[in-house]
mmCIF file of all heavy atoms, coordinates in Angstrom:
data_MODEL
# 
_entry.id   MODEL 
# 
loop_
_atom_site.group_PDB 
_atom_site.id 
_atom_site.type_symbol 
_atom_site.label_atom_id 
_atom_site.label_alt_id 
_atom_site.label_comp_id 
_atom_site.label_asym_id 
_atom_site.label_entity_id 
_atom_site.label_seq_id 
_atom_site.pdbx_PDB_ins_code 
_atom_site.Cartn_x 
_atom_site.Cartn_y 
_atom_site.Cartn_z 
_atom_site.occupancy 
_atom_site.B_iso_or_equiv 
_atom_site.pdbx_formal_charge 
_atom_site.auth_seq_id 
_atom_site.auth_comp_id 
_atom_site.auth_asym_id 
_atom_site.auth_atom_id 
_atom_site.pdbx_PDB_model_num 
ATOM 1   N N   . GLY A 1 1  ? 90.091  125.223 98.920  1.00 0.00 ? 1  GLY A N   1 
ATOM 2   C CA  . GLY A 1 1  ? 90.168  125.882 100.208 1.00 0.00 ? 1  GLY A CA  1 
ATOM 3   C C   . GLY A 1 1  ? 89.721  125.023 101.373 1.00 0.00 ? 1  GLY A C   1 
ATOM 4   O O   . GLY A 1 1  ? 89.563  125.535 102.486 1.00 0.00 ? 1  GLY A O   1 
ATOM 5   N N   . ASP A 1 2  ? 89.556  123.730 101.159 1.00 0.00 ? 2  ASP A N   1 
ATOM 6   C CA  . ASP A 1 2  ? 89.044  122.854 102.204 1.00 0.00 ? 2  ASP A CA  1 
ATOM 7   C C   . ASP A 1 2  ? 90.118  122.295 103.135 1.00 0.00 ? 2  ASP A C   1 
ATOM 8   O O   . ASP A 1 2  ? 89.784  121.641 104.125 1.00 0.00 ? 2  ASP A O   1 
ATOM 9   C CB  . ASP A 1 2  ? 88.228  121.708 101.601 1.00 0.00 ? 2  ASP A CB  1 
ATOM 10  C CG  . ASP A 1 2  ? 89.041  120.792 100.700 1.00 0.00 ? 2  ASP A CG  1 
ATOM 11  O OD1 . ASP A 1 2  ? 90.187  121.146 100.358 1.00 0.00 ? 2  ASP A OD1 1 
ATOM 12  O OD2 . ASP A 1 2  ? 88.523  119.725 100.336 1.00 0.00 ? 2  ASP A OD2 1 
ATOM 13  N N   . SER A 1 3  ? 91.384  122.540 102.837 1.00 0.00 ? 3  SER A N   1 
ATOM 14  C CA  . SER A 1 3  ? 92.461  122.037 103.675 1.00 0.00 ? 3  SER A CA  1 
ATOM 15  C C   . SER A 1 3  ? 93.632  123.010 103.650 1.00 0.00 ? 3  SER A C   1 
ATOM 16  O O   . SER A 1 3  ? 93.953  123.566 102.597 1.00 0.00 ? 3  SER A O   1 
ATOM 17  C CB  . SER A 1 3  ? 92.910  120.656 103.202 1.00 0.00 ? 3  SER A CB  1 
ATOM 18  O OG  . SER A 1 3  ? 93.912  120.122 104.049 1.00 0.00 ? 3  SER A OG  1 
ATOM 19  N N   . THR A 1 4  ? 94.269  123.192 104.805 1.00 0.00 ? 4  THR A N   1 
ATOM 20  C CA  . THR A 1 4  ? 95.409  124.098 104.919 1.00 0.00 ? 4  THR A CA  1 
ATOM 21  C C   . THR A 1 4  ? 96.525  123.453 105.719 1.00 0.00 ? 4  THR A C   1 
ATOM 22  O O   . THR A 1 4  ? 96.298  122.546 106.515 1.00 0.00 ? 4  THR A O   1 
ATOM 23  C CB  . THR A 1 4  ? 95.013  125.419 105.597 1.00 0.00 ? 4  THR A CB  1 
ATOM 24  O OG1 . THR A 1 4  ? 94.471  125.142 106.893 1.00 0.00 ? 4  THR A OG1 1 
ATOM 25  C CG2 . THR A 1 4  ? 93.970  126.156 104.772 1.00 0.00 ? 4  THR A CG2 1 
ATOM 26  N N   . ASN A 1 5  ? 97.745  123.950 105.515 1.00 0.00 ? 5  ASN A N   1 
ATOM 27  C CA  . ASN A 1 5  ? 98.905  123.521 106.278 1.00 0.00 ? 5  ASN A CA  1 
ATOM 28  C C   . ASN A 1 5  ? 99.746  124.738 106.628 1.00 0.00 ? 5  ASN A C   1 
ATOM 29  O O   . ASN A 1 5  ? 99.792  125.711 105.866 1.00 0.00 ? 5  ASN A O   1 
ATOM 30  C CB  . ASN A 1 5  ? 99.750  122.525 105.482 1.00 0.00 ? 5  ASN A CB  1 
ATOM 31  C CG  . ASN A 1 5  ? 99.112  121.164 105.381 1.00 0.00 ? 5  ASN A CG  1 
ATOM 32  O OD1 . ASN A 1 5  ? 98.957  120.477 106.376 1.00 0.00 ? 5  ASN A OD1 1 
ATOM 33  N ND2 . ASN A 1 5  ? 98.734  120.774 104.174 1.00 0.00 ? 5  ASN A ND2 1 
ATOM 34  N N   . TYR A 1 6  ? 100.431 124.671 107.779 1.00 0.00 ? 6  TYR A N   1 
ATOM 35  C CA  . TYR A 1 6  ? 101.221 125.794 108.262 1.00 0.00 ? 6  TYR A CA  1 
ATOM 36  C C   . TYR A 1 6  ? 102.559 125.333 108.798 1.00 0.00 ? 6  TYR A C   1 
ATOM 37  O O   . TYR A 1 6  ? 102.681 124.235 109.352 1.00 0.00 ? 6  TYR A O   1 
ATOM 38  C CB  . TYR A 1 6  ? 100.489 126.530 109.387 1.00 0.00 ? 6  TYR A CB  1 
ATOM 39  C CG  . TYR A 1 6  ? 99.166  127.122 108.979 1.00 0.00 ? 6  TYR A CG  1 
ATOM 40  C CD1 . TYR A 1 6  ? 97.989  126.408 109.130 1.00 0.00 ? 6  TYR A CD1 1 
ATOM 41  C CD2 . TYR A 1 6  ? 99.103  128.400 108.431 1.00 0.00 ? 6  TYR A CD2 1 
ATOM 42  C CE1 . TYR A 1 6  ? 96.770  126.946 108.745 1.00 0.00 ? 6  TYR A CE1 1 
ATOM 43  C CE2 . TYR A 1 6  ? 97.890  128.947 108.049 1.00 0.00 ? 6  TYR A CE2 1 
ATOM 44  C CZ  . TYR A 1 6  ? 96.730  128.216 108.208 1.00 0.00 ? 6  TYR A CZ  1 
ATOM 45  O OH  . TYR A 1 6  ? 95.519  128.758 107.827 1.00 0.00 ? 6  TYR A OH  1 
ATOM 46  N N   . ALA A 1 7  ? 103.545 126.190 108.640 1.00 0.00 ? 7  ALA A N   1 
ATOM 47  C CA  . ALA A 1 7  ? 104.801 125.972 109.328 1.00 0.00 ? 7  ALA A CA  1 
ATOM 48  C C   . ALA A 1 7  ? 104.575 126.084 110.836 1.00 0.00 ? 7  ALA A C   1 
ATOM 49  O O   . ALA A 1 7  ? 103.738 126.866 111.287 1.00 0.00 ? 7  ALA A O   1 
ATOM 50  C CB  . ALA A 1 7  ? 105.838 126.998 108.883 1.00 0.00 ? 7  ALA A CB  1 
ATOM 51  N N   . ASP A 1 8  ? 105.321 125.305 111.609 1.00 0.00 ? 8  ASP A N   1 
ATOM 52  C CA  . ASP A 1 8  ? 105.150 125.333 113.062 1.00 0.00 ? 8  ASP A CA  1 
ATOM 53  C C   . ASP A 1 8  ? 105.338 126.736 113.641 1.00 0.00 ? 8  ASP A C   1 
ATOM 54  O O   . ASP A 1 8  ? 104.684 127.104 114.618 1.00 0.00 ? 8  ASP A O   1 
ATOM 55  C CB  . ASP A 1 8  ? 106.127 124.374 113.732 1.00 0.00 ? 8  ASP A CB  1 
ATOM 56  C CG  . ASP A 1 8  ? 105.757 122.918 113.518 1.00 0.00 ? 8  ASP A CG  1 
ATOM 57  O OD1 . ASP A 1 8  ? 104.596 122.636 113.162 1.00 0.00 ? 8  ASP A OD1 1 
ATOM 58  O OD2 . ASP A 1 8  ? 106.637 122.061 113.712 1.00 0.00 ? 8  ASP A OD2 1 
ATOM 59  N N   . SER A 1 9  ? 106.208 127.513 113.040 1.00 0.00 ? 9  SER A N   1 
ATOM 60  C CA  . SER A 1 9  ? 106.526 128.830 113.557 1.00 0.00 ? 9  SER A CA  1 
ATOM 61  C C   . SER A 1 9  ? 105.375 129.824 113.462 1.00 0.00 ? 9  SER A C   1 
ATOM 62  O O   . SER A 1 9  ? 105.390 130.847 114.146 1.00 0.00 ? 9  SER A O   1 
ATOM 63  C CB  . SER A 1 9  ? 107.749 129.404 112.837 1.00 0.00 ? 9  SER A CB  1 
ATOM 64  O OG  . SER A 1 9  ? 107.511 129.504 111.441 1.00 0.00 ? 9  SER A OG  1 
ATOM 65  N N   . VAL A 1 10 ? 104.374 129.532 112.624 1.00 0.00 ? 10 VAL A N   1 
ATOM 66  C CA  . VAL A 1 10 ? 103.272 130.477 112.440 1.00 0.00 ? 10 VAL A CA  1 
ATOM 67  C C   . VAL A 1 10 ? 101.918 129.904 112.840 1.00 0.00 ? 10 VAL A C   1 
ATOM 68  O O   . VAL A 1 10 ? 100.915 130.627 112.794 1.00 0.00 ? 10 VAL A O   1 
ATOM 69  C CB  . VAL A 1 10 ? 103.200 130.995 110.988 1.00 0.00 ? 10 VAL A CB  1 
ATOM 70  C CG1 . VAL A 1 10 ? 104.542 131.569 110.554 1.00 0.00 ? 10 VAL A CG1 1 
ATOM 71  C CG2 . VAL A 1 10 ? 102.750 129.892 110.031 1.00 0.00 ? 10 VAL A CG2 1 
ATOM 72  N N   . LYS A 1 11 ? 101.870 128.652 113.238 1.00 0.00 ? 11 LYS A N   1 
ATOM 73  C CA  . LYS A 1 11 ? 100.603 128.040 113.630 1.00 0.00 ? 11 LYS A CA  1 
ATOM 74  C C   . LYS A 1 11 ? 99.951  128.803 114.783 1.00 0.00 ? 11 LYS A C   1 
ATOM 75  O O   . LYS A 1 11 ? 100.605 129.170 115.748 1.00 0.00 ? 11 LYS A O   1 
ATOM 76  C CB  . LYS A 1 11 ? 100.813 126.586 114.039 1.00 0.00 ? 11 LYS A CB  1 
ATOM 77  C CG  . LYS A 1 11 ? 100.992 125.640 112.881 1.00 0.00 ? 11 LYS A CG  1 
ATOM 78  C CD  . LYS A 1 11 ? 101.159 124.206 113.360 1.00 0.00 ? 11 LYS A CD  1 
ATOM 79  C CE  . LYS A 1 11 ? 101.322 123.258 112.188 1.00 0.00 ? 11 LYS A CE  1 
ATOM 80  N NZ  . LYS A 1 11 ? 101.556 121.863 112.639 1.00 0.00 ? 11 LYS A NZ  1 
ATOM 81  N N   . GLY A 1 12 ? 98.664  129.038 114.642 1.00 0.00 ? 12 GLY A N   1 
ATOM 82  C CA  . GLY A 1 12 ? 97.926  129.775 115.655 1.00 0.00 ? 12 GLY A CA  1 
ATOM 83  C C   . GLY A 1 12 ? 97.976  131.271 115.477 1.00 0.00 ? 12 GLY A C   1 
ATOM 84  O O   . GLY A 1 12 ? 97.232  131.992 116.143 1.00 0.00 ? 12 GLY A O   1 
ATOM 85  N N   . ARG A 1 13 ? 98.858  131.757 114.605 1.00 0.00 ? 13 ARG A N   1 
ATOM 86  C CA  . ARG A 1 13 ? 98.995  133.194 114.376 1.00 0.00 ? 13 ARG A CA  1 
ATOM 87  C C   . ARG A 1 13 ? 98.607  133.612 112.967 1.00 0.00 ? 13 ARG A C   1 
ATOM 88  O O   . ARG A 1 13 ? 98.051  134.690 112.764 1.00 0.00 ? 13 ARG A O   1 
ATOM 89  C CB  . ARG A 1 13 ? 100.431 133.646 114.648 1.00 0.00 ? 13 ARG A CB  1 
ATOM 90  C CG  . ARG A 1 13 ? 100.902 133.381 116.075 1.00 0.00 ? 13 ARG A CG  1 
ATOM 91  C CD  . ARG A 1 13 ? 102.247 134.041 116.342 1.00 0.00 ? 13 ARG A CD  1 
ATOM 92  N NE  . ARG A 1 13 ? 103.305 133.506 115.481 1.00 0.00 ? 13 ARG A NE  1 
ATOM 93  C CZ  . ARG A 1 13 ? 104.016 134.244 114.618 1.00 0.00 ? 13 ARG A CZ  1 
ATOM 94  N NH1 . ARG A 1 13 ? 103.786 135.548 114.500 1.00 0.00 ? 13 ARG A NH1 1 
ATOM 95  N NH2 . ARG A 1 13 ? 104.968 133.680 113.885 1.00 0.00 ? 13 ARG A NH2 1 
ATOM 96  N N   . PHE A 1 14 ? 98.906  132.763 111.990 1.00 0.00 ? 14 PHE A N   1 
ATOM 97  C CA  . PHE A 1 14 ? 98.631  133.072 110.590 1.00 0.00 ? 14 PHE A CA  1 
ATOM 98  C C   . PHE A 1 14 ? 97.480  132.220 110.075 1.00 0.00 ? 14 PHE A C   1 
ATOM 99  O O   . PHE A 1 14 ? 97.304  131.075 110.497 1.00 0.00 ? 14 PHE A O   1 
ATOM 100 C CB  . PHE A 1 14 ? 99.855  132.788 109.712 1.00 0.00 ? 14 PHE A CB  1 
ATOM 101 C CG  . PHE A 1 14 ? 101.015 133.732 109.899 1.00 0.00 ? 14 PHE A CG  1 
ATOM 102 C CD1 . PHE A 1 14 ? 101.073 134.624 110.958 1.00 0.00 ? 14 PHE A CD1 1 
ATOM 103 C CD2 . PHE A 1 14 ? 102.058 133.707 108.989 1.00 0.00 ? 14 PHE A CD2 1 
ATOM 104 C CE1 . PHE A 1 14 ? 102.146 135.482 111.118 1.00 0.00 ? 14 PHE A CE1 1 
ATOM 105 C CE2 . PHE A 1 14 ? 103.147 134.557 109.137 1.00 0.00 ? 14 PHE A CE2 1 
ATOM 106 C CZ  . PHE A 1 14 ? 103.189 135.449 110.198 1.00 0.00 ? 14 PHE A CZ  1 
ATOM 107 N N   . THR A 1 15 ? 96.724  132.776 109.139 1.00 0.00 ? 15 THR A N   1 
ATOM 108 C CA  . THR A 1 15 ? 95.638  132.044 108.498 1.00 0.00 ? 15 THR A CA  1 
ATOM 109 C C   . THR A 1 15 ? 95.690  132.281 106.995 1.00 0.00 ? 15 THR A C   1 
ATOM 110 O O   . THR A 1 15 ? 95.630  133.428 106.539 1.00 0.00 ? 15 THR A O   1 
ATOM 111 C CB  . THR A 1 15 ? 94.262  132.479 109.029 1.00 0.00 ? 15 THR A CB  1 
ATOM 112 O OG1 . THR A 1 15 ? 94.206  132.296 110.448 1.00 0.00 ? 15 THR A OG1 1 
ATOM 113 C CG2 . THR A 1 15 ? 93.159  131.648 108.378 1.00 0.00 ? 15 THR A CG2 1 
ATOM 114 N N   . ILE A 1 16 ? 95.803  131.201 106.235 1.00 0.00 ? 16 ILE A N   1 
ATOM 115 C CA  . ILE A 1 16 ? 95.762  131.301 104.786 1.00 0.00 ? 16 ILE A CA  1 
ATOM 116 C C   . ILE A 1 16 ? 94.326  131.052 104.326 1.00 0.00 ? 16 ILE A C   1 
ATOM 117 O O   . ILE A 1 16 ? 93.635  130.186 104.858 1.00 0.00 ? 16 ILE A O   1 
ATOM 118 C CB  . ILE A 1 16 ? 96.743  130.306 104.129 1.00 0.00 ? 16 ILE A CB  1 
ATOM 119 C CG1 . ILE A 1 16 ? 96.821  130.523 102.609 1.00 0.00 ? 16 ILE A CG1 1 
ATOM 120 C CG2 . ILE A 1 16 ? 96.378  128.864 104.460 1.00 0.00 ? 16 ILE A CG2 1 
ATOM 121 C CD1 . ILE A 1 16 ? 97.929  129.707 101.932 1.00 0.00 ? 16 ILE A CD1 1 
ATOM 122 N N   . SER A 1 17 ? 93.880  131.817 103.353 1.00 0.00 ? 17 SER A N   1 
ATOM 123 C CA  . SER A 1 17 ? 92.538  131.653 102.823 1.00 0.00 ? 17 SER A CA  1 
ATOM 124 C C   . SER A 1 17 ? 92.524  132.090 101.366 1.00 0.00 ? 17 SER A C   1 
ATOM 125 O O   . SER A 1 17 ? 93.493  132.648 100.861 1.00 0.00 ? 17 SER A O   1 
ATOM 126 C CB  . SER A 1 17 ? 91.507  132.453 103.644 1.00 0.00 ? 17 SER A CB  1 
ATOM 127 O OG  . SER A 1 17 ? 91.777  133.844 103.572 1.00 0.00 ? 17 SER A OG  1 
ATOM 128 N N   . ARG A 1 18 ? 91.422  131.821 100.708 1.00 0.00 ? 18 ARG A N   1 
ATOM 129 C CA  . ARG A 1 18 ? 91.309  132.212 99.309  1.00 0.00 ? 18 ARG A CA  1 
ATOM 130 C C   . ARG A 1 18 ? 89.872  132.540 98.965  1.00 0.00 ? 18 ARG A C   1 
ATOM 131 O O   . ARG A 1 18 ? 88.931  132.062 99.601  1.00 0.00 ? 18 ARG A O   1 
ATOM 132 C CB  . ARG A 1 18 ? 91.834  131.093 98.394  1.00 0.00 ? 18 ARG A CB  1 
ATOM 133 C CG  . ARG A 1 18 ? 91.017  129.811 98.426  1.00 0.00 ? 18 ARG A CG  1 
ATOM 134 C CD  . ARG A 1 18 ? 91.776  128.664 97.768  1.00 0.00 ? 18 ARG A CD  1 
ATOM 135 N NE  . ARG A 1 18 ? 92.078  128.957 96.374  1.00 0.00 ? 18 ARG A NE  1 
ATOM 136 C CZ  . ARG A 1 18 ? 93.074  128.383 95.686  1.00 0.00 ? 18 ARG A CZ  1 
ATOM 137 N NH1 . ARG A 1 18 ? 93.858  127.492 96.271  1.00 0.00 ? 18 ARG A NH1 1 
ATOM 138 N NH2 . ARG A 1 18 ? 93.269  128.713 94.408  1.00 0.00 ? 18 ARG A NH2 1 
ATOM 139 N N   . ASP A 1 19 ? 89.723  133.359 97.945  1.00 0.00 ? 19 ASP A N   1 
ATOM 140 C CA  . ASP A 1 19 ? 88.418  133.675 97.390  1.00 0.00 ? 19 ASP A CA  1 
ATOM 141 C C   . ASP A 1 19 ? 88.551  133.477 95.888  1.00 0.00 ? 19 ASP A C   1 
ATOM 142 O O   . ASP A 1 19 ? 89.010  134.368 95.170  1.00 0.00 ? 19 ASP A O   1 
ATOM 143 C CB  . ASP A 1 19 ? 87.999  135.098 97.729  1.00 0.00 ? 19 ASP A CB  1 
ATOM 144 C CG  . ASP A 1 19 ? 86.564  135.395 97.323  1.00 0.00 ? 19 ASP A CG  1 
ATOM 145 O OD1 . ASP A 1 19 ? 86.023  134.704 96.438  1.00 0.00 ? 19 ASP A OD1 1 
ATOM 146 O OD2 . ASP A 1 19 ? 85.975  136.332 97.902  1.00 0.00 ? 19 ASP A OD2 1 
ATOM 147 N N   . ASN A 1 20 ? 88.180  132.297 95.431  1.00 0.00 ? 20 ASN A N   1 
ATOM 148 C CA  . ASN A 1 20 ? 88.358  131.987 94.014  1.00 0.00 ? 20 ASN A CA  1 
ATOM 149 C C   . ASN A 1 20 ? 87.514  132.877 93.110  1.00 0.00 ? 20 ASN A C   1 
ATOM 150 O O   . ASN A 1 20 ? 87.904  133.159 91.978  1.00 0.00 ? 20 ASN A O   1 
ATOM 151 C CB  . ASN A 1 20 ? 88.047  130.509 93.756  1.00 0.00 ? 20 ASN A CB  1 
ATOM 152 C CG  . ASN A 1 20 ? 89.148  129.592 94.245  1.00 0.00 ? 20 ASN A CG  1 
ATOM 153 O OD1 . ASN A 1 20 ? 90.287  130.018 94.443  1.00 0.00 ? 20 ASN A OD1 1 
ATOM 154 N ND2 . ASN A 1 20 ? 88.809  128.320 94.434  1.00 0.00 ? 20 ASN A ND2 1 
ATOM 155 N N   . ALA A 1 21 ? 86.365  133.322 93.604  1.00 0.00 ? 21 ALA A N   1 
ATOM 156 C CA  . ALA A 1 21 ? 85.534  134.230 92.821  1.00 0.00 ? 21 ALA A CA  1 
ATOM 157 C C   . ALA A 1 21 ? 86.241  135.554 92.564  1.00 0.00 ? 21 ALA A C   1 
ATOM 158 O O   . ALA A 1 21 ? 86.006  136.206 91.544  1.00 0.00 ? 21 ALA A O   1 
ATOM 159 C CB  . ALA A 1 21 ? 84.195  134.466 93.519  1.00 0.00 ? 21 ALA A CB  1 
ATOM 160 N N   . LYS A 1 22 ? 87.098  135.964 93.497  1.00 0.00 ? 22 LYS A N   1 
ATOM 161 C CA  . LYS A 1 22 ? 87.876  137.188 93.351  1.00 0.00 ? 22 LYS A CA  1 
ATOM 162 C C   . LYS A 1 22 ? 89.271  136.932 92.802  1.00 0.00 ? 22 LYS A C   1 
ATOM 163 O O   . LYS A 1 22 ? 90.048  137.869 92.625  1.00 0.00 ? 22 LYS A O   1 
ATOM 164 C CB  . LYS A 1 22 ? 87.981  137.917 94.692  1.00 0.00 ? 22 LYS A CB  1 
ATOM 165 C CG  . LYS A 1 22 ? 86.683  138.517 95.183  1.00 0.00 ? 22 LYS A CG  1 
ATOM 166 C CD  . LYS A 1 22 ? 86.901  139.233 96.502  1.00 0.00 ? 22 LYS A CD  1 
ATOM 167 C CE  . LYS A 1 22 ? 85.722  140.117 96.868  1.00 0.00 ? 22 LYS A CE  1 
ATOM 168 N NZ  . LYS A 1 22 ? 84.460  139.386 96.971  1.00 0.00 ? 22 LYS A NZ  1 
ATOM 169 N N   . ASN A 1 23 ? 89.592  135.652 92.567  1.00 0.00 ? 23 ASN A N   1 
ATOM 170 C CA  . ASN A 1 23 ? 90.895  135.278 92.025  1.00 0.00 ? 23 ASN A CA  1 
ATOM 171 C C   . ASN A 1 23 ? 92.034  135.775 92.916  1.00 0.00 ? 23 ASN A C   1 
ATOM 172 O O   . ASN A 1 23 ? 93.064  136.252 92.434  1.00 0.00 ? 23 ASN A O   1 
ATOM 173 C CB  . ASN A 1 23 ? 91.066  135.820 90.604  1.00 0.00 ? 23 ASN A CB  1 
ATOM 174 C CG  . ASN A 1 23 ? 91.694  134.817 89.659  1.00 0.00 ? 23 ASN A CG  1 
ATOM 175 O OD1 . ASN A 1 23 ? 91.626  133.606 89.868  1.00 0.00 ? 23 ASN A OD1 1 
ATOM 176 N ND2 . ASN A 1 23 ? 92.312  135.319 88.591  1.00 0.00 ? 23 ASN A ND2 1 
ATOM 177 N N   . THR A 1 24 ? 91.838  135.627 94.235  1.00 0.00 ? 24 THR A N   1 
ATOM 178 C CA  . THR A 1 24 ? 92.758  136.205 95.196  1.00 0.00 ? 24 THR A CA  1 
ATOM 179 C C   . THR A 1 24 ? 93.061  135.235 96.338  1.00 0.00 ? 24 THR A C   1 
ATOM 180 O O   . THR A 1 24 ? 92.179  134.520 96.814  1.00 0.00 ? 24 THR A O   1 
ATOM 181 C CB  . THR A 1 24 ? 92.193  137.512 95.773  1.00 0.00 ? 24 THR A CB  1 
ATOM 182 O OG1 . THR A 1 24 ? 91.927  138.428 94.704  1.00 0.00 ? 24 THR A OG1 1 
ATOM 183 C CG2 . THR A 1 24 ? 93.183  138.163 96.728  1.00 0.00 ? 24 THR A CG2 1 
ATOM 184 N N   . LEU A 1 25 ? 94.307  135.237 96.768  1.00 0.00 ? 25 LEU A N   1 
ATOM 185 C CA  . LEU A 1 25 ? 94.794  134.479 97.916  1.00 0.00 ? 25 LEU A CA  1 
ATOM 186 C C   . LEU A 1 25 ? 95.136  135.457 99.034  1.00 0.00 ? 25 LEU A C   1 
ATOM 187 O O   . LEU A 1 25 ? 95.621  136.561 98.762  1.00 0.00 ? 25 LEU A O   1 
ATOM 188 C CB  . LEU A 1 25 ? 96.035  133.680 97.521  1.00 0.00 ? 25 LEU A CB  1 
ATOM 189 C CG  . LEU A 1 25 ? 96.742  132.879 98.605  1.00 0.00 ? 25 LEU A CG  1 
ATOM 190 C CD1 . LEU A 1 25 ? 95.936  131.631 98.943  1.00 0.00 ? 25 LEU A CD1 1 
ATOM 191 C CD2 . LEU A 1 25 ? 98.147  132.510 98.146  1.00 0.00 ? 25 LEU A CD2 1 
ATOM 192 N N   . TYR A 1 26 ? 94.916  135.053 100.286 1.00 0.00 ? 26 TYR A N   1 
ATOM 193 C CA  . TYR A 1 26 ? 95.165  135.927 101.427 1.00 0.00 ? 26 TYR A CA  1 
ATOM 194 C C   . TYR A 1 26 ? 96.030  135.243 102.474 1.00 0.00 ? 26 TYR A C   1 
ATOM 195 O O   . TYR A 1 26 ? 96.057  134.021 102.585 1.00 0.00 ? 26 TYR A O   1 
ATOM 196 C CB  . TYR A 1 26 ? 93.852  136.337 102.104 1.00 0.00 ? 26 TYR A CB  1 
ATOM 197 C CG  . TYR A 1 26 ? 92.868  137.017 101.202 1.00 0.00 ? 26 TYR A CG  1 
ATOM 198 C CD1 . TYR A 1 26 ? 91.824  136.300 100.622 1.00 0.00 ? 26 TYR A CD1 1 
ATOM 199 C CD2 . TYR A 1 26 ? 92.977  138.371 100.921 1.00 0.00 ? 26 TYR A CD2 1 
ATOM 200 C CE1 . TYR A 1 26 ? 90.910  136.921 99.792  1.00 0.00 ? 26 TYR A CE1 1 
ATOM 201 C CE2 . TYR A 1 26 ? 92.064  139.003 100.088 1.00 0.00 ? 26 TYR A CE2 1 
ATOM 202 C CZ  . TYR A 1 26 ? 91.035  138.269 99.530  1.00 0.00 ? 26 TYR A CZ  1 
ATOM 203 O OH  . TYR A 1 26 ? 90.131  138.893 98.702  1.00 0.00 ? 26 TYR A OH  1 
ATOM 204 N N   . LEU A 1 27 ? 96.711  136.058 103.260 1.00 0.00 ? 27 LEU A N   1 
ATOM 205 C CA  . LEU A 1 27 ? 97.409  135.580 104.448 1.00 0.00 ? 27 LEU A CA  1 
ATOM 206 C C   . LEU A 1 27 ? 97.152  136.578 105.570 1.00 0.00 ? 27 LEU A C   1 
ATOM 207 O O   . LEU A 1 27 ? 97.669  137.700 105.532 1.00 0.00 ? 27 LEU A O   1 
ATOM 208 C CB  . LEU A 1 27 ? 98.909  135.431 104.200 1.00 0.00 ? 27 LEU A CB  1 
ATOM 209 C CG  . LEU A 1 27 ? 99.711  134.842 105.360 1.00 0.00 ? 27 LEU A CG  1 
ATOM 210 C CD1 . LEU A 1 27 ? 99.310  133.383 105.586 1.00 0.00 ? 27 LEU A CD1 1 
ATOM 211 C CD2 . LEU A 1 27 ? 101.211 134.945 105.103 1.00 0.00 ? 27 LEU A CD2 1 
ATOM 212 N N   . GLN A 1 28 ? 96.351  136.172 106.547 1.00 0.00 ? 28 GLN A N   1 
ATOM 213 C CA  . GLN A 1 28 ? 96.110  136.993 107.721 1.00 0.00 ? 28 GLN A CA  1 
ATOM 214 C C   . GLN A 1 28 ? 97.203  136.696 108.734 1.00 0.00 ? 28 GLN A C   1 
ATOM 215 O O   . GLN A 1 28 ? 97.393  135.548 109.129 1.00 0.00 ? 28 GLN A O   1 
ATOM 216 C CB  . GLN A 1 28 ? 94.737  136.690 108.320 1.00 0.00 ? 28 GLN A CB  1 
ATOM 217 C CG  . GLN A 1 28 ? 94.412  137.474 109.587 1.00 0.00 ? 28 GLN A CG  1 
ATOM 218 C CD  . GLN A 1 28 ? 94.288  138.958 109.343 1.00 0.00 ? 28 GLN A CD  1 
ATOM 219 O OE1 . GLN A 1 28 ? 93.622  139.376 108.401 1.00 0.00 ? 28 GLN A OE1 1 
ATOM 220 N NE2 . GLN A 1 28 ? 94.941  139.762 110.175 1.00 0.00 ? 28 GLN A NE2 1 
ATOM 221 N N   . MET A 1 29 ? 97.906  137.723 109.172 1.00 0.00 ? 29 MET A N   1 
ATOM 222 C CA  . MET A 1 29 ? 99.046  137.584 110.061 1.00 0.00 ? 29 MET A CA  1 
ATOM 223 C C   . MET A 1 29 ? 98.761  138.337 111.352 1.00 0.00 ? 29 MET A C   1 
ATOM 224 O O   . MET A 1 29 ? 98.635  139.564 111.347 1.00 0.00 ? 29 MET A O   1 
ATOM 225 C CB  . MET A 1 29 ? 100.311 138.130 109.404 1.00 0.00 ? 29 MET A CB  1 
ATOM 226 C CG  . MET A 1 29 ? 100.554 137.564 108.010 1.00 0.00 ? 29 MET A CG  1 
ATOM 227 S SD  . MET A 1 29 ? 101.766 138.524 107.053 1.00 0.00 ? 29 MET A SD  1 
ATOM 228 C CE  . MET A 1 29 ? 103.248 138.226 107.997 1.00 0.00 ? 29 MET A CE  1 
ATOM 229 N N   . ASN A 1 30 ? 98.640  137.615 112.455 1.00 0.00 ? 30 ASN A N   1 
ATOM 230 C CA  . ASN A 1 30 ? 98.380  138.209 113.765 1.00 0.00 ? 30 ASN A CA  1 
ATOM 231 C C   . ASN A 1 30 ? 99.550  137.952 114.705 1.00 0.00 ? 30 ASN A C   1 
ATOM 232 O O   . ASN A 1 30 ? 100.371 137.071 114.469 1.00 0.00 ? 30 ASN A O   1 
ATOM 233 C CB  . ASN A 1 30 ? 97.098  137.634 114.372 1.00 0.00 ? 30 ASN A CB  1 
ATOM 234 C CG  . ASN A 1 30 ? 95.869  137.914 113.543 1.00 0.00 ? 30 ASN A CG  1 
ATOM 235 O OD1 . ASN A 1 30 ? 95.752  138.962 112.911 1.00 0.00 ? 30 ASN A OD1 1 
ATOM 236 N ND2 . ASN A 1 30 ? 94.925  136.972 113.554 1.00 0.00 ? 30 ASN A ND2 1 
# 
């Protein structure tokens, strides 16, 4: 989770994150 990349169309609006302890990936979309 120390590095992320985004398509230009979603930069500044979307955030990818993860919680490995919960075995889950997230995408926050604003």
